[in-house]
Structures are given as C-alpha cells and as structure tokens.
Amino acid sequence: MDVDNEDDEHRPVAAETLREAYHSVRLLYRRLCEERKAASKLEAQCKEKATELQKKLESAQALPKEGEGAVCGSEIDEMKEQLRDIQCTFRKPAFLLLELLVGKISVTIPNRDDLLTYKQNYESFKLVNVVIIWMLSVLSLIMDAYTVPAALVHCASVWYYFAITLREMILISNGSRIQPWWLVHHYLSIVIATLLLIWPPGPCYDAFKTQFMLFSCFLTFVMGLQFRYQRGKLYRQIAMGQKHPLSLSKEGEKIKPSKMSILVLCLILIYAFQLYNSVTVMNLYLFSDLQCNHWEMPIVSLLFAVLALGNFTTLSSIIYDKSKKQKKI
C-alpha cells in the first residue's frame, strides 16, 4: 500500500494541469496588483479628506460652544481622537535616523492586529533584555576581579538602548505617544554605555565599577517592575476600549500622584542614584588620589546628571498633569 502511494507521488503531473495552475496564480497576482493600486488611490483620498476634517475640527474647537447645532467640546475631542487613530494607519516617511539605517521605506503597519502584535513583541523584547542585563550585572558583582562580565553589561546596554530606540521610532511612526524626552534619554544612555565600555580598566574604573553594577541591578529591577505594572494597566485599558493599542509604557505615567505608589518611589530612588553616580565619577576625576585623568569620566558624570535631572523633571510634570486632570474630574 505504501509503495503504491510513493509511486503516485513521483508520477509526473500532466502538462495541462501545470498550465492551469500557472495561469490561476498569474490571474490572482494580477488581481492583487490591481487591488493594491486601488487601495493606494483610496488611501490618498482618505488622507486628503482626513486633513480637511482636521482643519475643520480645529476651527470648530476655537469657536464658542453656544446655540443650537453647536458641537460640544467633548464630542470634538472624541472626533479628534478617532481621527488620529485613522491617520496613524496612513503611510508616512520614517524618522531621519531610521531612514539612514534602513533606507527610504515605509514603516507604517496599517493592520490594527499587526500593530498590537508588534507592540507585544516590543514589550517582550524589553523584558528579555532587562533580565539578561540584570543577570550579567549580578555576575559582574560576583566575579568582581574580572573585567569581562562588566564589559558584557556595557555591550548589552548599548545593544538594548540602540535596538529599543529603533523600535520606538517605528512605534511613533504608527501612532505611539512617547514623549521626546525618552528618545533623548535612550540616546544619552547609548553614549554612557559606550563610554563605560571604552573606559580603560584600572584603579579608577574599579573604584566605580561595583557602584555602577549595583545601580544596574536596581535599574533593571525597577524596569521589570515598571514593565509588569504598565503592561497590566495597558491591556486592561485596551480591553475597556480606553486606549490605543500602541500606547507606550512610559515611566511614571498613569500613576495617581496622591497614592505615591511603590513604582513612583522606586523611580525617584533610581533617579537619585543616577545623580549619585554623577557626583561619584566627578569626585574621582577631580579629587581622587588615584590620579584619574581619563577623558571619559567628566562626560559620563555630566550625562548622568542630565539623565537624572531630565527624568526628575519629566516625572514631576507627568504627576502634575495627572493631578490637574484628577481635580477637573
């Protein structure tokens, strides 16, 4: 019985059957190309109408909301929100940095399910890399006499912040509302990790290495805590229809300032730790008996201070905005 089946599989296919299958594929492909062209024209028309509607909504919002037939402010806000979700699906050029790396291609993902899948992959990517960096940091603390584990931490950090920046640029192109500061934060983190990687090993680096690895362990722990909190809240809001599926989990956002949650407290502590790192490195550079004159040190110190102040300012503004919204409610 098995021999007969094998003979059937190896039996040559009739030429007419092959020609029919070939023509069927060609017809389907031709139809696909025609529908793609039609979809491109329809998208251009929709984009033009959406731009006109956006201008009308802006004008309507500026007018007084009085008299019969006037549209209330909440309805206009809802229209603008829905219009923004529609505009996120239109093809648009990539960011300059992304364009330099991948070329002039569209990074827009029009399908909403694909967008959510990409967002979920983005969150999973963050979590996996955070766990890896945490494990490498612990390994570096255990093997304190060796420089290789510490170098791996810095290499992993460069990779993580570089990759996460590119992914967030794609998310922004698809409608994510990430604040500009977080992209700047990632750029600065890439520079810091690179400078720590090329900082020559020796007494000066060893004097700061243990403190930095403790900082790295605490930072990755807080990032994991933040990931768990924000992902749970994000998906609850998506399920309730309150949020766009590509909303990013941003530090400190969506946390009620009156309750001063554990996450906010941890963020404040990590920002204080960044400032402490800045002071420690500058103190080693200026006042240490180890004669630390490496050029990387003042730059690392300055960048840690910028990160700390920028993070404090952003977190404070988020909490202030949320408190104002709570009072209005």
Protein backbone atom coordinates (compact mmCIF):
# COMPACT_ATOMS: atom_id res chain seq x y z
CA MET A 1 0.00 0.00 0.00
CA ASP A 2 2.80 2.42 0.91
CA VAL A 3 4.65 1.53 -2.29
CA ASP A 4 1.60 2.50 -4.36
CA ASN A 5 1.37 5.90 -2.62
CA GLU A 6 5.04 6.60 -3.31
CA ASP A 7 4.52 5.74 -6.97
CA ASP A 8 1.60 8.21 -7.12
CA GLU A 9 3.71 10.99 -5.62
CA HIS A 10 6.53 10.50 -8.14
CA ARG A 11 4.16 10.15 -11.11
CA PRO A 12 4.68 13.13 -13.50
CA VAL A 13 1.98 15.83 -13.44
CA ALA A 14 0.06 16.39 -16.65
CA ALA A 15 1.19 19.41 -18.66
CA GLU A 16 -2.37 20.76 -18.86
CA THR A 17 -2.70 20.65 -15.06
CA LEU A 18 0.54 22.63 -14.66
CA ARG A 19 -0.60 25.26 -17.17
CA GLU A 20 -3.94 25.70 -15.40
CA ALA A 21 -2.24 26.13 -12.01
CA TYR A 22 0.25 28.59 -13.51
CA HIS A 23 -2.46 30.72 -15.16
CA SER A 24 -4.53 30.62 -11.95
CA VAL A 25 -1.62 32.05 -9.94
CA ARG A 26 -0.96 34.74 -12.56
CA LEU A 27 -4.61 35.82 -12.55
CA LEU A 28 -4.68 36.03 -8.77
CA TYR A 29 -1.44 38.02 -8.74
CA ARG A 30 -2.75 40.42 -11.39
CA ARG A 31 -5.87 40.94 -9.30
CA LEU A 32 -3.73 41.55 -6.21
CA CYS A 33 -1.69 44.22 -8.03
CA GLU A 34 -4.86 45.98 -9.24
CA GLU A 35 -6.36 46.00 -5.74
CA ARG A 36 -3.10 47.35 -4.30
CA LYS A 37 -3.19 50.24 -6.78
CA ALA A 38 -6.84 50.89 -5.97
CA ALA A 39 -6.05 50.79 -2.24
CA SER A 40 -3.21 53.32 -2.73
CA LYS A 41 -5.55 55.73 -4.54
CA LEU A 42 -8.21 55.25 -1.87
CA GLU A 43 -5.65 55.92 0.86
CA ALA A 44 -4.58 59.16 -0.84
CA GLN A 45 -8.22 60.31 -0.99
CA CYS A 46 -8.81 59.33 2.62
CA LYS A 47 -5.67 61.16 3.71
CA GLU A 48 -6.83 64.32 1.92
CA LYS A 49 -10.30 64.15 3.49
CA ALA A 50 -8.78 63.49 6.93
CA THR A 51 -6.59 66.59 6.60
CA GLU A 52 -9.64 68.69 5.70
CA LEU A 53 -11.58 67.28 8.64
CA GLN A 54 -8.69 68.02 10.99
CA LYS A 55 -8.71 71.70 9.93
CA LYS A 56 -12.49 71.87 10.43
CA LEU A 57 -12.20 70.34 13.90
CA GLU A 58 -9.52 72.86 14.87
CA SER A 59 -11.74 75.70 13.67
CA ALA A 60 -14.79 74.29 15.48
CA GLN A 61 -12.83 73.94 18.70
CA ALA A 62 -11.84 77.60 18.58
CA LEU A 63 -15.45 78.80 18.19
CA PRO A 64 -17.77 79.40 21.19
CA LYS A 65 -19.93 76.36 22.03
CA GLU A 66 -23.29 78.15 22.11
CA GLY A 67 -26.54 77.96 20.21
CA GLU A 68 -28.44 75.12 18.61
CA GLY A 69 -26.47 72.71 16.47
CA ALA A 70 -23.16 73.60 18.13
CA VAL A 71 -20.85 70.65 18.72
CA CYS A 72 -19.73 70.28 22.33
CA GLY A 73 -16.06 70.15 23.26
CA SER A 74 -16.12 66.53 24.39
CA GLU A 75 -17.56 65.41 21.05
CA ILE A 76 -14.86 67.33 19.18
CA ASP A 77 -12.19 65.74 21.35
CA GLU A 78 -13.59 62.31 20.64
CA MET A 79 -13.63 63.02 16.89
CA LYS A 80 -10.02 64.21 17.02
CA GLU A 81 -9.00 61.10 18.92
CA GLN A 82 -10.68 58.80 16.40
CA LEU A 83 -9.23 60.80 13.50
CA ARG A 84 -5.76 60.47 14.96
CA ASP A 85 -6.14 56.69 15.13
CA ILE A 86 -7.19 56.71 11.47
CA GLN A 87 -4.23 58.88 10.44
CA CYS A 88 -1.82 56.54 12.22
CA THR A 89 -2.58 53.86 9.60
CA PHE A 90 -1.52 56.07 6.66
CA ARG A 91 1.91 55.52 5.19
CA LYS A 92 4.45 58.12 6.24
CA PRO A 93 8.22 58.62 5.96
CA ALA A 94 10.44 57.14 8.67
CA PHE A 95 12.49 59.16 11.17
CA LEU A 96 15.80 60.54 9.86
CA LEU A 97 17.92 58.15 11.95
CA LEU A 98 15.74 55.21 10.98
CA GLU A 99 15.91 56.27 7.33
CA LEU A 100 19.71 56.46 7.48
CA LEU A 101 19.84 52.90 8.84
CA VAL A 102 17.17 51.10 6.81
CA GLY A 103 16.70 53.41 3.83
CA LYS A 104 13.64 55.23 2.49
CA ILE A 105 10.96 52.70 3.26
CA SER A 106 7.57 52.97 4.89
CA VAL A 107 7.46 51.58 8.43
CA THR A 108 3.70 52.04 8.80
CA ILE A 109 1.77 48.94 9.85
CA PRO A 110 -1.84 49.51 8.67
CA ASN A 111 -3.41 46.42 10.23
CA ARG A 112 -4.52 47.03 13.83
CA ASP A 113 -3.94 43.40 14.90
CA ASP A 114 -0.41 43.52 13.47
CA LEU A 115 0.18 46.75 15.38
CA LEU A 116 -0.84 45.15 18.64
CA THR A 117 1.34 42.11 17.90
CA TYR A 118 4.31 44.39 17.23
CA LYS A 119 3.66 46.26 20.48
CA GLN A 120 3.53 42.99 22.40
CA ASN A 121 6.80 41.87 20.80
CA TYR A 122 8.32 45.22 21.76
CA GLU A 123 7.33 44.75 25.39
CA SER A 124 8.62 41.17 25.41
CA PHE A 125 11.89 42.32 23.87
CA LYS A 126 12.33 44.86 26.66
CA LEU A 127 11.64 42.31 29.37
CA VAL A 128 14.02 39.67 27.96
CA ASN A 129 16.88 42.15 27.58
CA VAL A 130 16.29 43.65 31.02
CA VAL A 131 16.54 40.17 32.56
CA ILE A 132 19.76 39.49 30.62
CA ILE A 133 21.36 42.76 31.77
CA TRP A 134 20.29 42.06 35.36
CA MET A 135 21.87 38.59 35.26
CA LEU A 136 25.10 39.97 33.77
CA SER A 137 25.20 42.69 36.45
CA VAL A 138 24.84 40.11 39.21
CA LEU A 139 27.54 38.00 37.56
CA SER A 140 29.84 41.03 37.46
CA LEU A 141 29.30 41.64 41.18
CA ILE A 142 30.10 38.00 41.95
CA MET A 143 33.16 37.98 39.67
CA ASP A 144 34.35 41.40 40.75
CA ALA A 145 38.01 40.66 40.00
CA TYR A 146 37.26 40.07 36.29
CA THR A 147 36.52 42.76 33.70
CA VAL A 148 34.76 40.58 31.12
CA PRO A 149 31.34 40.40 32.91
CA ALA A 150 31.32 44.18 33.32
CA ALA A 151 32.20 44.63 29.65
CA LEU A 152 29.31 42.33 28.73
CA VAL A 153 26.95 44.51 30.79
CA HIS A 154 28.04 47.61 28.86
CA CYS A 155 27.80 45.81 25.49
CA ALA A 156 24.31 44.53 26.34
CA SER A 157 23.26 48.04 27.42
CA VAL A 158 24.48 49.57 24.14
CA TRP A 159 22.59 46.92 22.18
CA TYR A 160 19.44 47.29 24.28
CA TYR A 161 19.15 51.08 24.08
CA PHE A 162 20.06 51.16 20.39
CA ALA A 163 17.52 48.47 19.49
CA ILE A 164 14.80 49.93 21.71
CA THR A 165 15.30 53.38 20.15
CA LEU A 166 14.77 52.00 16.64
CA ARG A 167 11.69 50.06 17.73
CA GLU A 168 10.22 53.13 19.42
CA MET A 169 10.77 55.16 16.25
CA ILE A 170 8.69 52.59 14.39
CA LEU A 171 6.05 52.75 17.11
CA ILE A 172 5.96 56.55 16.93
CA SER A 173 5.51 56.33 13.16
CA ASN A 174 2.47 54.16 13.90
CA GLY A 175 0.88 56.48 16.44
CA SER A 176 2.55 55.88 19.79
CA ARG A 177 2.58 58.94 22.03
CA ILE A 178 6.00 58.55 23.53
CA GLN A 179 7.42 61.79 24.84
CA PRO A 180 10.50 63.19 23.05
CA TRP A 181 12.49 63.06 26.28
CA TRP A 182 12.53 59.26 26.31
CA LEU A 183 14.20 59.15 22.91
CA VAL A 184 16.77 61.68 24.15
CA HIS A 185 17.14 59.52 27.28
CA HIS A 186 17.93 56.49 25.13
CA TYR A 187 20.48 58.41 23.04
CA LEU A 188 22.28 59.56 26.18
CA SER A 189 22.16 56.05 27.64
CA ILE A 190 23.81 54.69 24.48
CA VAL A 191 26.63 57.24 24.87
CA ILE A 192 27.08 56.46 28.58
CA ALA A 193 27.21 52.69 27.98
CA THR A 194 29.72 53.19 25.14
CA LEU A 195 31.96 55.42 27.27
CA LEU A 196 31.87 52.93 30.15
CA LEU A 197 32.78 50.19 27.69
CA ILE A 198 35.87 52.02 26.41
CA TRP A 199 36.89 53.40 29.84
CA PRO A 200 40.34 51.81 30.34
CA PRO A 201 40.46 49.19 33.12
CA GLY A 202 42.41 50.18 36.18
CA PRO A 203 42.06 51.59 39.71
CA CYS A 204 39.78 54.45 38.60
CA TYR A 205 37.36 52.18 36.78
CA ASP A 206 37.44 49.62 39.61
CA ALA A 207 36.58 52.37 42.11
CA PHE A 208 33.31 52.99 40.26
CA LYS A 209 32.53 49.55 38.81
CA THR A 210 30.91 48.00 41.90
CA GLN A 211 28.68 51.02 42.44
CA PHE A 212 27.61 51.00 38.80
CA MET A 213 26.79 47.28 38.85
CA LEU A 214 24.63 47.80 41.95
CA PHE A 215 22.96 50.65 40.10
CA SER A 216 22.44 48.39 37.06
CA CYS A 217 20.85 45.68 39.21
CA PHE A 218 18.48 48.17 40.83
CA LEU A 219 17.70 49.85 37.48
CA THR A 220 16.79 46.59 35.75
CA PHE A 221 14.68 45.54 38.74
CA VAL A 222 12.73 48.81 38.55
CA MET A 223 12.36 48.43 34.77
CA GLY A 224 10.93 44.96 35.30
CA LEU A 225 8.55 46.27 37.95
CA GLN A 226 7.53 49.09 35.66
CA PHE A 227 7.00 46.67 32.76
CA ARG A 228 4.68 44.47 34.82
CA TYR A 229 2.65 47.40 36.16
CA GLN A 230 2.29 49.25 32.87
CA ARG A 231 1.54 46.19 30.73
CA GLY A 232 -1.23 45.07 33.05
CA LYS A 233 -2.77 48.52 33.13
CA LEU A 234 -2.36 48.99 29.38
CA TYR A 235 -4.16 45.79 28.46
CA ARG A 236 -6.95 46.48 30.94
CA GLN A 237 -7.49 49.84 29.27
CA ILE A 238 -7.39 48.31 25.79
CA ALA A 239 -9.96 45.73 26.86
CA MET A 240 -12.18 48.54 28.12
CA GLY A 241 -11.67 50.47 24.89
CA GLN A 242 -9.95 53.37 26.65
CA LYS A 243 -6.60 53.37 24.90
CA HIS A 244 -4.90 52.94 21.56
CA PRO A 245 -3.08 49.57 21.39
CA LEU A 246 0.24 51.26 20.68
CA SER A 247 0.34 53.38 23.81
CA LEU A 248 3.79 53.01 25.30
CA SER A 249 4.53 52.13 28.89
CA LYS A 250 6.25 55.30 30.00
CA GLU A 251 7.94 55.89 33.29
CA GLY A 252 5.60 57.31 35.87
CA GLU A 253 2.62 57.68 33.57
CA LYS A 254 -0.86 56.71 34.63
CA ILE A 255 0.10 56.66 38.30
CA LYS A 256 -2.05 58.65 40.69
CA PRO A 257 0.18 61.18 42.46
CA SER A 258 -1.99 61.14 45.60
CA LYS A 259 -1.16 57.50 46.27
CA MET A 260 2.59 57.84 45.54
CA SER A 261 2.87 54.22 44.51
CA ILE A 262 5.84 51.95 45.05
CA LEU A 263 6.76 52.34 41.40
CA VAL A 264 7.00 56.14 41.63
CA LEU A 265 9.10 55.82 44.78
CA CYS A 266 11.44 53.36 43.02
CA LEU A 267 11.74 55.71 40.04
CA ILE A 268 12.66 58.58 42.34
CA LEU A 269 15.29 56.42 44.02
CA ILE A 270 16.79 55.35 40.70
CA TYR A 271 16.97 58.96 39.53
CA ALA A 272 18.68 59.88 42.78
CA PHE A 273 21.09 57.00 42.16
CA GLN A 274 21.88 58.46 38.73
CA LEU A 275 22.72 61.78 40.35
CA TYR A 276 24.88 59.97 42.91
CA ASN A 277 26.73 58.26 40.05
CA SER A 278 27.41 61.66 38.53
CA VAL A 279 28.82 63.01 41.78
CA THR A 280 30.94 59.88 42.38
CA VAL A 281 32.56 59.94 38.93
CA MET A 282 33.27 63.67 39.11
CA ASN A 283 34.72 63.27 42.61
CA LEU A 284 37.04 60.52 41.32
CA TYR A 285 38.09 62.72 38.42
CA LEU A 286 38.79 65.87 40.45
CA PHE A 287 39.75 64.83 43.99
CA SER A 288 40.83 61.19 43.96
CA ASP A 289 44.37 60.17 44.90
CA LEU A 290 44.24 57.59 42.10
CA GLN A 291 45.11 60.28 39.51
CA CYS A 292 42.03 59.62 37.40
CA ASN A 293 42.52 61.72 34.27
CA HIS A 294 40.58 59.69 31.74
CA TRP A 295 38.65 61.90 29.34
CA GLU A 296 35.57 59.66 29.55
CA MET A 297 34.96 60.49 33.22
CA PRO A 298 33.70 64.11 33.07
CA ILE A 299 31.45 63.25 30.11
CA VAL A 300 29.95 60.26 31.95
CA SER A 301 29.43 62.43 35.04
CA LEU A 302 27.72 65.18 33.03
CA LEU A 303 25.46 62.74 31.17
CA PHE A 304 24.39 61.00 34.39
CA ALA A 305 23.44 64.41 35.81
CA VAL A 306 21.47 65.30 32.66
CA LEU A 307 19.63 61.96 32.82
CA ALA A 308 18.77 62.43 36.48
CA LEU A 309 17.50 66.00 36.06
CA GLY A 310 15.60 65.18 32.86
CA ASN A 311 13.95 62.16 34.46
CA PHE A 312 13.03 64.09 37.62
CA THR A 313 11.55 66.93 35.54
CA THR A 314 9.56 64.60 33.27
CA LEU A 315 8.22 62.53 36.15
CA SER A 316 7.22 65.70 38.04
CA SER A 317 5.41 67.13 35.01
CA ILE A 318 3.53 63.85 34.46
CA ILE A 319 2.42 63.71 38.09
CA TYR A 320 1.40 67.38 37.99
CA ASP A 321 -0.63 66.91 34.79
CA LYS A 322 -2.37 63.85 36.21
CA SER A 323 -3.21 65.66 39.43
CA LYS A 324 -4.76 68.53 37.47
CA LYS A 325 -6.86 66.07 35.47
CA GLN A 326 -7.98 64.39 38.70
CA LYS A 327 -9.10 67.74 40.11
CA LYS A 328 -11.09 68.51 36.93
CA ILE A 329 -12.84 65.13 37.21
